[in-house]
Amino acid sequence: MIHILAICASILGFGCLCAAMARHQKDMLGRTLSRQAQPWLRGAGGAVLLVALATDMAGLGAANGAIAWFGHLTIGAAMAVIGLKWKTA
């Protein structure tokens, strides 16, 4: 269950980071966001990735949680890229 939560948090975090980039906003949201919203999305994306780290460390211990976090980040980033490519295709 810890792995599923961390992977979902990673996907959400990378989704927020993608939405913070002007080049992906049109593909994801259908419009561009204001310049004031971009730092908020960037901060939210980073915070959600830290939540994934905290989830992993709480469930698996500090050492194993940090190692699992990198794997979960990889899966989350891959899913975000696949989602962007699938949406634009």
PDB file of N, CA and C in Angstrom:
ATOM      1  N   MET A   1       0.823  -1.197   0.000  1.00  0.00           N
ATOM      2  CA  MET A   1       0.000   0.000   0.000  1.00  0.00           C
ATOM      3  C   MET A   1       0.868   1.261   0.000  1.00  0.00           C
ATOM      4  N   ILE A   2       2.002   1.190   0.698  1.00  0.00           N
ATOM      5  CA  ILE A   2       2.911   2.337   0.735  1.00  0.00           C
ATOM      6  C   ILE A   2       3.403   2.653  -0.680  1.00  0.00           C
ATOM      7  N   HIS A   3       3.706   1.619  -1.440  1.00  0.00           N
ATOM      8  CA  HIS A   3       4.220   1.831  -2.791  1.00  0.00           C
ATOM      9  C   HIS A   3       3.176   2.502  -3.681  1.00  0.00           C
ATOM     10  N   ILE A   4       1.939   2.098  -3.558  1.00  0.00           N
ATOM     11  CA  ILE A   4       0.875   2.693  -4.374  1.00  0.00           C
ATOM     12  C   ILE A   4       0.692   4.166  -4.023  1.00  0.00           C
ATOM     13  N   LEU A   5       0.698   4.481  -2.733  1.00  0.00           N
ATOM     14  CA  LEU A   5       0.551   5.881  -2.316  1.00  0.00           C
ATOM     15  C   LEU A   5       1.714   6.732  -2.812  1.00  0.00           C
ATOM     16  N   ALA A   6       2.924   6.205  -2.692  1.00  0.00           N
ATOM     17  CA  ALA A   6       4.096   6.969  -3.118  1.00  0.00           C
ATOM     18  C   ALA A   6       4.115   7.157  -4.633  1.00  0.00           C
ATOM     19  N   ILE A   7       3.716   6.139  -5.376  1.00  0.00           N
ATOM     20  CA  ILE A   7       3.684   6.268  -6.837  1.00  0.00           C
ATOM     21  C   ILE A   7       2.616   7.275  -7.257  1.00  0.00           C
ATOM     22  N   CYS A   8       1.450   7.226  -6.627  1.00  0.00           N
ATOM     23  CA  CYS A   8       0.394   8.206  -6.940  1.00  0.00           C
ATOM     24  C   CYS A   8       0.844   9.625  -6.610  1.00  0.00           C
ATOM     25  N   ALA A   9       1.530   9.793  -5.475  1.00  0.00           N
ATOM     26  CA  ALA A   9       2.048  11.115  -5.116  1.00  0.00           C
ATOM     27  C   ALA A   9       3.107  11.570  -6.113  1.00  0.00           C
ATOM     28  N   SER A  10       3.935  10.655  -6.586  1.00  0.00           N
ATOM     29  CA  SER A  10       4.957  11.012  -7.569  1.00  0.00           C
ATOM     30  C   SER A  10       4.332  11.433  -8.893  1.00  0.00           C
ATOM     31  N   ILE A  11       3.316  10.714  -9.327  1.00  0.00           N
ATOM     32  CA  ILE A  11       2.628  11.084 -10.570  1.00  0.00           C
ATOM     33  C   ILE A  11       1.989  12.463 -10.426  1.00  0.00           C
ATOM     34  N   LEU A  12       1.343  12.703  -9.298  1.00  0.00           N
ATOM     35  CA  LEU A  12       0.715  14.003  -9.059  1.00  0.00           C
ATOM     36  C   LEU A  12       1.759  15.114  -8.989  1.00  0.00           C
ATOM     37  N   GLY A  13       2.868  14.853  -8.314  1.00  0.00           N
ATOM     38  CA  GLY A  13       3.927  15.857  -8.206  1.00  0.00           C
ATOM     39  C   GLY A  13       4.521  16.220  -9.552  1.00  0.00           C
ATOM     40  N   PHE A  14       4.829  15.207 -10.354  1.00  0.00           N
ATOM     41  CA  PHE A  14       5.372  15.493 -11.680  1.00  0.00           C
ATOM     42  C   PHE A  14       4.322  16.117 -12.591  1.00  0.00           C
ATOM     43  N   GLY A  15       3.067  15.778 -12.386  1.00  0.00           N
ATOM     44  CA  GLY A  15       2.001  16.434 -13.142  1.00  0.00           C
ATOM     45  C   GLY A  15       1.930  17.920 -12.831  1.00  0.00           C
ATOM     46  N   CYS A  16       2.077  18.261 -11.559  1.00  0.00           N
ATOM     47  CA  CYS A  16       2.095  19.684 -11.179  1.00  0.00           C
ATOM     48  C   CYS A  16       3.310  20.392 -11.765  1.00  0.00           C
ATOM     49  N   LEU A  17       4.463  19.726 -11.745  1.00  0.00           N
ATOM     50  CA  LEU A  17       5.659  20.336 -12.321  1.00  0.00           C
ATOM     51  C   LEU A  17       5.510  20.531 -13.829  1.00  0.00           C
ATOM     52  N   CYS A  18       4.880  19.581 -14.502  1.00  0.00           N
ATOM     53  CA  CYS A  18       4.623  19.742 -15.945  1.00  0.00           C
ATOM     54  C   CYS A  18       3.655  20.889 -16.199  1.00  0.00           C
ATOM     55  N   ALA A  19       2.627  20.988 -15.377  1.00  0.00           N
ATOM     56  CA  ALA A  19       1.639  22.056 -15.551  1.00  0.00           C
ATOM     57  C   ALA A  19       2.234  23.426 -15.257  1.00  0.00           C
ATOM     58  N   ALA A  20       3.326  23.471 -14.495  1.00  0.00           N
ATOM     59  CA  ALA A  20       3.976  24.744 -14.204  1.00  0.00           C
ATOM     60  C   ALA A  20       4.790  25.252 -15.391  1.00  0.00           C
ATOM     61  N   MET A  21       5.077  24.374 -16.339  1.00  0.00           N
ATOM     62  CA  MET A  21       5.857  24.772 -17.513  1.00  0.00           C
ATOM     63  C   MET A  21       4.923  25.289 -18.604  1.00  0.00           C
ATOM     64  N   ALA A  22       5.252  26.443 -19.146  1.00  0.00           N
ATOM     65  CA  ALA A  22       4.391  27.071 -20.151  1.00  0.00           C
ATOM     66  C   ALA A  22       4.238  26.200 -21.395  1.00  0.00           C
ATOM     67  N   ARG A  23       5.251  25.438 -21.746  1.00  0.00           N
ATOM     68  CA  ARG A  23       5.181  24.636 -22.971  1.00  0.00           C
ATOM     69  C   ARG A  23       4.224  23.459 -22.852  1.00  0.00           C
ATOM     70  N   HIS A  24       3.902  23.028 -21.621  1.00  0.00           N
ATOM     71  CA  HIS A  24       2.999  21.897 -21.429  1.00  0.00           C
ATOM     72  C   HIS A  24       1.582  22.316 -21.044  1.00  0.00           C
ATOM     73  N   GLN A  25       1.380  23.570 -20.699  1.00  0.00           N
ATOM     74  CA  GLN A  25       0.070  24.014 -20.212  1.00  0.00           C
ATOM     75  C   GLN A  25      -1.007  23.881 -21.280  1.00  0.00           C
ATOM     76  N   LYS A  26      -0.682  24.214 -22.508  1.00  0.00           N
ATOM     77  CA  LYS A  26      -1.675  24.132 -23.584  1.00  0.00           C
ATOM     78  C   LYS A  26      -2.099  22.681 -23.810  1.00  0.00           C
ATOM     79  N   ASP A  27      -1.150  21.751 -23.721  1.00  0.00           N
ATOM     80  CA  ASP A  27      -1.473  20.338 -23.924  1.00  0.00           C
ATOM     81  C   ASP A  27      -2.272  19.771 -22.762  1.00  0.00           C
ATOM     82  N   MET A  28      -1.905  20.135 -21.543  1.00  0.00           N
ATOM     83  CA  MET A  28      -2.546  19.551 -20.366  1.00  0.00           C
ATOM     84  C   MET A  28      -3.882  20.201 -20.037  1.00  0.00           C
ATOM     85  N   LEU A  29      -3.912  21.528 -20.099  1.00  0.00           N
ATOM     86  CA  LEU A  29      -5.065  22.270 -19.604  1.00  0.00           C
ATOM     87  C   LEU A  29      -5.900  22.914 -20.705  1.00  0.00           C
ATOM     88  N   GLY A  30      -5.361  22.969 -21.904  1.00  0.00           N
ATOM     89  CA  GLY A  30      -6.079  23.613 -22.993  1.00  0.00           C
ATOM     90  C   GLY A  30      -5.924  25.122 -23.017  1.00  0.00           C
ATOM     91  N   ARG A  31      -5.166  25.653 -22.109  1.00  0.00           N
ATOM     92  CA  ARG A  31      -4.926  27.096 -22.058  1.00  0.00           C
ATOM     93  C   ARG A  31      -3.622  27.335 -21.315  1.00  0.00           C
ATOM     94  N   THR A  32      -3.145  28.577 -21.356  1.00  0.00           N
ATOM     95  CA  THR A  32      -1.955  28.923 -20.591  1.00  0.00           C
ATOM     96  C   THR A  32      -2.376  29.587 -19.290  1.00  0.00           C
ATOM     97  N   LEU A  33      -1.636  29.320 -18.263  1.00  0.00           N
ATOM     98  CA  LEU A  33      -1.927  29.890 -16.952  1.00  0.00           C
ATOM     99  C   LEU A  33      -1.215  31.222 -16.783  1.00  0.00           C
ATOM    100  N   SER A  34      -1.641  31.974 -15.805  1.00  0.00           N
ATOM    101  CA  SER A  34      -0.986  33.249 -15.520  1.00  0.00           C
ATOM    102  C   SER A  34       0.401  32.988 -14.942  1.00  0.00           C
ATOM    103  N   ARG A  35       1.243  33.985 -15.042  1.00  0.00           N
ATOM    104  CA  ARG A  35       2.604  33.838 -14.517  1.00  0.00           C
ATOM    105  C   ARG A  35       2.614  33.711 -12.996  1.00  0.00           C
ATOM    106  N   GLN A  36       1.552  34.181 -12.335  1.00  0.00           N
ATOM    107  CA  GLN A  36       1.480  34.055 -10.882  1.00  0.00           C
ATOM    108  C   GLN A  36       1.175  32.624 -10.458  1.00  0.00           C
ATOM    109  N   ALA A  37       0.502  31.859 -11.291  1.00  0.00           N
ATOM    110  CA  ALA A  37       0.136  30.488 -10.934  1.00  0.00           C
ATOM    111  C   ALA A  37       1.300  29.522 -11.091  1.00  0.00           C
ATOM    112  N   GLN A  38       2.253  29.835 -11.938  1.00  0.00           N
ATOM    113  CA  GLN A  38       3.349  28.911 -12.207  1.00  0.00           C
ATOM    114  C   GLN A  38       4.214  28.619 -10.982  1.00  0.00           C
ATOM    115  N   PRO A  39       4.620  29.614 -10.191  1.00  0.00           N
ATOM    116  CA  PRO A  39       5.405  29.279  -8.991  1.00  0.00           C
ATOM    117  C   PRO A  39       4.618  28.456  -7.975  1.00  0.00           C
ATOM    118  N   TRP A  40       3.321  28.678  -7.906  1.00  0.00           N
ATOM    119  CA  TRP A  40       2.496  27.891  -6.979  1.00  0.00           C
ATOM    120  C   TRP A  40       2.465  26.428  -7.399  1.00  0.00           C
ATOM    121  N   LEU A  41       2.311  26.187  -8.681  1.00  0.00           N
ATOM    122  CA  LEU A  41       2.308  24.810  -9.172  1.00  0.00           C
ATOM    123  C   LEU A  41       3.673  24.155  -8.983  1.00  0.00           C
ATOM    124  N   ARG A  42       4.731  24.921  -9.200  1.00  0.00           N
ATOM    125  CA  ARG A  42       6.076  24.392  -9.003  1.00  0.00           C
ATOM    126  C   ARG A  42       6.297  24.024  -7.540  1.00  0.00           C
ATOM    127  N   GLY A  43       5.862  24.880  -6.643  1.00  0.00           N
ATOM    128  CA  GLY A  43       5.981  24.590  -5.212  1.00  0.00           C
ATOM    129  C   GLY A  43       5.121  23.421  -4.784  1.00  0.00           C
ATOM    130  N   ALA A  44       3.908  23.353  -5.327  1.00  0.00           N
ATOM    131  CA  ALA A  44       3.022  22.231  -4.996  1.00  0.00           C
ATOM    132  C   ALA A  44       3.601  20.919  -5.501  1.00  0.00           C
ATOM    133  N   GLY A  45       4.178  20.928  -6.694  1.00  0.00           N
ATOM    134  CA  GLY A  45       4.790  19.720  -7.233  1.00  0.00           C
ATOM    135  C   GLY A  45       5.944  19.239  -6.376  1.00  0.00           C
ATOM    136  N   GLY A  46       6.797  20.167  -5.963  1.00  0.00           N
ATOM    137  CA  GLY A  46       7.906  19.794  -5.082  1.00  0.00           C
ATOM    138  C   GLY A  46       7.430  19.298  -3.736  1.00  0.00           C
ATOM    139  N   ALA A  47       6.395  19.933  -3.204  1.00  0.00           N
ATOM    140  CA  ALA A  47       5.858  19.509  -1.905  1.00  0.00           C
ATOM    141  C   ALA A  47       5.255  18.112  -1.978  1.00  0.00           C
ATOM    142  N   VAL A  48       4.558  17.815  -3.065  1.00  0.00           N
ATOM    143  CA  VAL A  48       3.954  16.482  -3.207  1.00  0.00           C
ATOM    144  C   VAL A  48       5.039  15.423  -3.376  1.00  0.00           C
ATOM    145  N   LEU A  49       6.135  15.762  -4.052  1.00  0.00           N
ATOM    146  CA  LEU A  49       7.242  14.810  -4.153  1.00  0.00           C
ATOM    147  C   LEU A  49       7.880  14.566  -2.787  1.00  0.00           C
ATOM    148  N   LEU A  50       7.927  15.582  -1.954  1.00  0.00           N
ATOM    149  CA  LEU A  50       8.428  15.392  -0.585  1.00  0.00           C
ATOM    150  C   LEU A  50       7.458  14.567   0.251  1.00  0.00           C
ATOM    151  N   VAL A  51       6.167  14.688  -0.018  1.00  0.00           N
ATOM    152  CA  VAL A  51       5.179  13.829   0.651  1.00  0.00           C
ATOM    153  C   VAL A  51       5.416  12.374   0.270  1.00  0.00           C
ATOM    154  N   ALA A  52       5.761  12.137  -0.988  1.00  0.00           N
ATOM    155  CA  ALA A  52       6.082  10.770  -1.416  1.00  0.00           C
ATOM    156  C   ALA A  52       7.305  10.251  -0.669  1.00  0.00           C
ATOM    157  N   LEU A  53       8.305  11.109  -0.473  1.00  0.00           N
ATOM    158  CA  LEU A  53       9.489  10.711   0.295  1.00  0.00           C
ATOM    159  C   LEU A  53       9.123  10.393   1.734  1.00  0.00           C
ATOM    160  N   ALA A  54       8.313  11.238   2.345  1.00  0.00           N
ATOM    161  CA  ALA A  54       7.897  11.006   3.731  1.00  0.00           C
ATOM    162  C   ALA A  54       7.086   9.726   3.853  1.00  0.00           C
ATOM    163  N   THR A  55       6.239   9.457   2.876  1.00  0.00           N
ATOM    164  CA  THR A  55       5.446   8.227   2.878  1.00  0.00           C
ATOM    165  C   THR A  55       6.351   7.005   2.805  1.00  0.00           C
ATOM    166  N   ASP A  56       7.325   7.053   1.915  1.00  0.00           N
ATOM    167  CA  ASP A  56       8.253   5.928   1.789  1.00  0.00           C
ATOM    168  C   ASP A  56       9.068   5.729   3.058  1.00  0.00           C
ATOM    169  N   MET A  57       9.576   6.808   3.615  1.00  0.00           N
ATOM    170  CA  MET A  57      10.406   6.685   4.815  1.00  0.00           C
ATOM    171  C   MET A  57       9.597   6.234   6.023  1.00  0.00           C
ATOM    172  N   ALA A  58       8.351   6.664   6.109  1.00  0.00           N
ATOM    173  CA  ALA A  58       7.513   6.245   7.234  1.00  0.00           C
ATOM    174  C   ALA A  58       7.149   4.770   7.128  1.00  0.00           C
ATOM    175  N   GLY A  59       6.928   4.299   5.938  1.00  0.00           N
ATOM    176  CA  GLY A  59       6.500   2.921   5.765  1.00  0.00           C
ATOM    177  C   GLY A  59       7.626   1.917   5.669  1.00  0.00           C
ATOM    178  N   LEU A  60       8.771   2.338   5.139  1.00  0.00           N
ATOM    179  CA  LEU A  60       9.851   1.395   4.863  1.00  0.00           C
ATOM    180  C   LEU A  60      11.120   1.657   5.658  1.00  0.00           C
ATOM    181  N   GLY A  61      11.141   2.703   6.454  1.00  0.00           N
ATOM    182  CA  GLY A  61      12.360   3.085   7.160  1.00  0.00           C
ATOM    183  C   GLY A  61      13.127   4.104   6.329  1.00  0.00           C
ATOM    184  N   ALA A  62      14.075   4.763   6.977  1.00  0.00           N
ATOM    185  CA  ALA A  62      14.776   5.862   6.314  1.00  0.00           C
ATOM    186  C   ALA A  62      15.612   5.388   5.127  1.00  0.00           C
ATOM    187  N   ALA A  63      16.421   4.363   5.311  1.00  0.00           N
ATOM    188  CA  ALA A  63      17.323   3.922   4.245  1.00  0.00           C
ATOM    189  C   ALA A  63      16.552   3.284   3.092  1.00  0.00           C
ATOM    190  N   ASN A  64      15.723   2.321   3.398  1.00  0.00           N
ATOM    191  CA  ASN A  64      14.960   1.656   2.340  1.00  0.00           C
ATOM    192  C   ASN A  64      13.937   2.596   1.710  1.00  0.00           C
ATOM    193  N   GLY A  65      13.393   3.515   2.501  1.00  0.00           N
ATOM    194  CA  GLY A  65      12.435   4.478   1.972  1.00  0.00           C
ATOM    195  C   GLY A  65      13.064   5.415   0.954  1.00  0.00           C
ATOM    196  N   ALA A  66      14.300   5.847   1.231  1.00  0.00           N
ATOM    197  CA  ALA A  66      14.987   6.729   0.283  1.00  0.00           C
ATOM    198  C   ALA A  66      15.285   6.003  -1.022  1.00  0.00           C
ATOM    199  N   ILE A  67      15.669   4.740  -0.920  1.00  0.00           N
ATOM    200  CA  ILE A  67      15.946   3.957  -2.129  1.00  0.00           C
ATOM    201  C   ILE A  67      14.661   3.734  -2.920  1.00  0.00           C
ATOM    202  N   ALA A  68      13.590   3.370  -2.228  1.00  0.00           N
ATOM    203  CA  ALA A  68      12.307   3.144  -2.904  1.00  0.00           C
ATOM    204  C   ALA A  68      11.785   4.434  -3.524  1.00  0.00           C
ATOM    205  N   TRP A  69      12.072   5.571  -2.874  1.00  0.00           N
ATOM    206  CA  TRP A  69      11.608   6.860  -3.381  1.00  0.00           C
ATOM    207  C   TRP A  69      12.154   7.129  -4.777  1.00  0.00           C
ATOM    208  N   PHE A  70      13.425   6.800  -5.001  1.00  0.00           N
ATOM    209  CA  PHE A  70      14.001   7.011  -6.330  1.00  0.00           C
ATOM    210  C   PHE A  70      13.310   6.145  -7.378  1.00  0.00           C
ATOM    211  N   GLY A  71      12.970   4.938  -7.013  1.00  0.00           N
ATOM    212  CA  GLY A  71      12.216   4.089  -7.931  1.00  0.00           C
ATOM    213  C   GLY A  71      10.831   4.630  -8.198  1.00  0.00           C
ATOM    214  N   HIS A  72      10.184   5.124  -7.154  1.00  0.00           N
ATOM    215  CA  HIS A  72       8.846   5.690  -7.320  1.00  0.00           C
ATOM    216  C   HIS A  72       8.890   6.982  -8.133  1.00  0.00           C
ATOM    217  N   LEU A  73       9.949   7.770  -7.953  1.00  0.00           N
ATOM    218  CA  LEU A  73      10.106   8.975  -8.773  1.00  0.00           C
ATOM    219  C   LEU A  73      10.263   8.613 -10.246  1.00  0.00           C
ATOM    220  N   THR A  74      11.008   7.554 -10.505  1.00  0.00           N
ATOM    221  CA  THR A  74      11.204   7.116 -11.887  1.00  0.00           C
ATOM    222  C   THR A  74       9.879   6.708 -12.518  1.00  0.00           C
ATOM    223  N   ILE A  75       9.091   5.946 -11.783  1.00  0.00           N
ATOM    224  CA  ILE A  75       7.784   5.520 -12.296  1.00  0.00           C
ATOM    225  C   ILE A  75       6.870   6.728 -12.490  1.00  0.00           C
ATOM    226  N   GLY A  76       6.859   7.645 -11.523  1.00  0.00           N
ATOM    227  CA  GLY A  76       6.016   8.832 -11.630  1.00  0.00           C
ATOM    228  C   GLY A  76       6.396   9.712 -12.805  1.00  0.00           C
ATOM    229  N   ALA A  77       7.702   9.900 -13.020  1.00  0.00           N
ATOM    230  CA  ALA A  77       8.149  10.715 -14.149  1.00  0.00           C
ATOM    231  C   ALA A  77       7.791  10.047 -15.473  1.00  0.00           C
ATOM    232  N   ALA A  78       7.978   8.733 -15.543  1.00  0.00           N
ATOM    233  CA  ALA A  78       7.640   8.016 -16.775  1.00  0.00           C
ATOM    234  C   ALA A  78       6.145   8.112 -17.067  1.00  0.00           C
ATOM    235  N   MET A  79       5.326   7.985 -16.038  1.00  0.00           N
ATOM    236  CA  MET A  79       3.877   8.078 -16.241  1.00  0.00           C
ATOM    237  C   MET A  79       3.467   9.487 -16.668  1.00  0.00           C
ATOM    238  N   ALA A  80       4.124  10.509 -16.126  1.00  0.00           N
ATOM    239  CA  ALA A  80       3.815  11.884 -16.524  1.00  0.00           C
ATOM    240  C   ALA A  80       4.190  12.118 -17.987  1.00  0.00           C
ATOM    241  N   VAL A  81       5.339  11.604 -18.403  1.00  0.00           N
ATOM    242  CA  VAL A  81       5.761  11.755 -19.800  1.00  0.00           C
ATOM    243  C   VAL A  81       4.820  10.994 -20.726  1.00  0.00           C
ATOM    244  N   ILE A  82       4.454   9.777 -20.342  1.00  0.00           N
ATOM    245  CA  ILE A  82       3.518   8.997 -21.159  1.00  0.00           C
ATOM    246  C   ILE A  82       2.173   9.715 -21.258  1.00  0.00           C
ATOM    247  N   GLY A  83       1.728  10.290 -20.145  1.00  0.00           N
ATOM    248  CA  GLY A  83       0.471  11.038 -20.165  1.00  0.00           C
ATOM    249  C   GLY A  83       0.527  12.248 -21.076  1.00  0.00           C
ATOM    250  N   LEU A  84       1.653  12.958 -21.074  1.00  0.00           N
ATOM    251  CA  LEU A  84       1.799  14.105 -21.970  1.00  0.00           C
ATOM    252  C   LEU A  84       1.826  13.670 -23.429  1.00  0.00           C
ATOM    253  N   LYS A  85       2.551  12.621 -23.718  1.00  0.00           N
ATOM    254  CA  LYS A  85       2.652  12.160 -25.106  1.00  0.00           C
ATOM    255  C   LYS A  85       1.324  11.590 -25.599  1.00  0.00           C
ATOM    256  N   TRP A  86       0.616  10.897 -24.727  1.00  0.00           N
ATOM    257  CA  TRP A  86      -0.666  10.316 -25.108  1.00  0.00           C
ATOM    258  C   TRP A  86      -1.697  11.411 -25.362  1.00  0.00           C
ATOM    259  N   LYS A  87      -1.648  12.464 -24.544  1.00  0.00           N
ATOM    260  CA  LYS A  87      -2.590  13.575 -24.680  1.00  0.00           C
ATOM    261  C   LYS A  87      -2.350  14.335 -25.980  1.00  0.00           C
ATOM    262  N   THR A  88      -1.090  14.489 -26.387  1.00  0.00           N
ATOM    263  CA  THR A  88      -0.780  15.270 -27.585  1.00  0.00           C
ATOM    264  C   THR A  88      -0.902  14.455 -28.863  1.00  0.00           C
ATOM    265  N   ALA A  89      -0.958  13.144 -28.752  1.00  0.00           N
ATOM    266  CA  ALA A  89      -1.012  12.301 -29.960  1.00  0.00           C
ATOM    267  C   ALA A  89      -2.384  12.304 -30.601  1.00  0.00           C
TER     268      ALA A  89
END
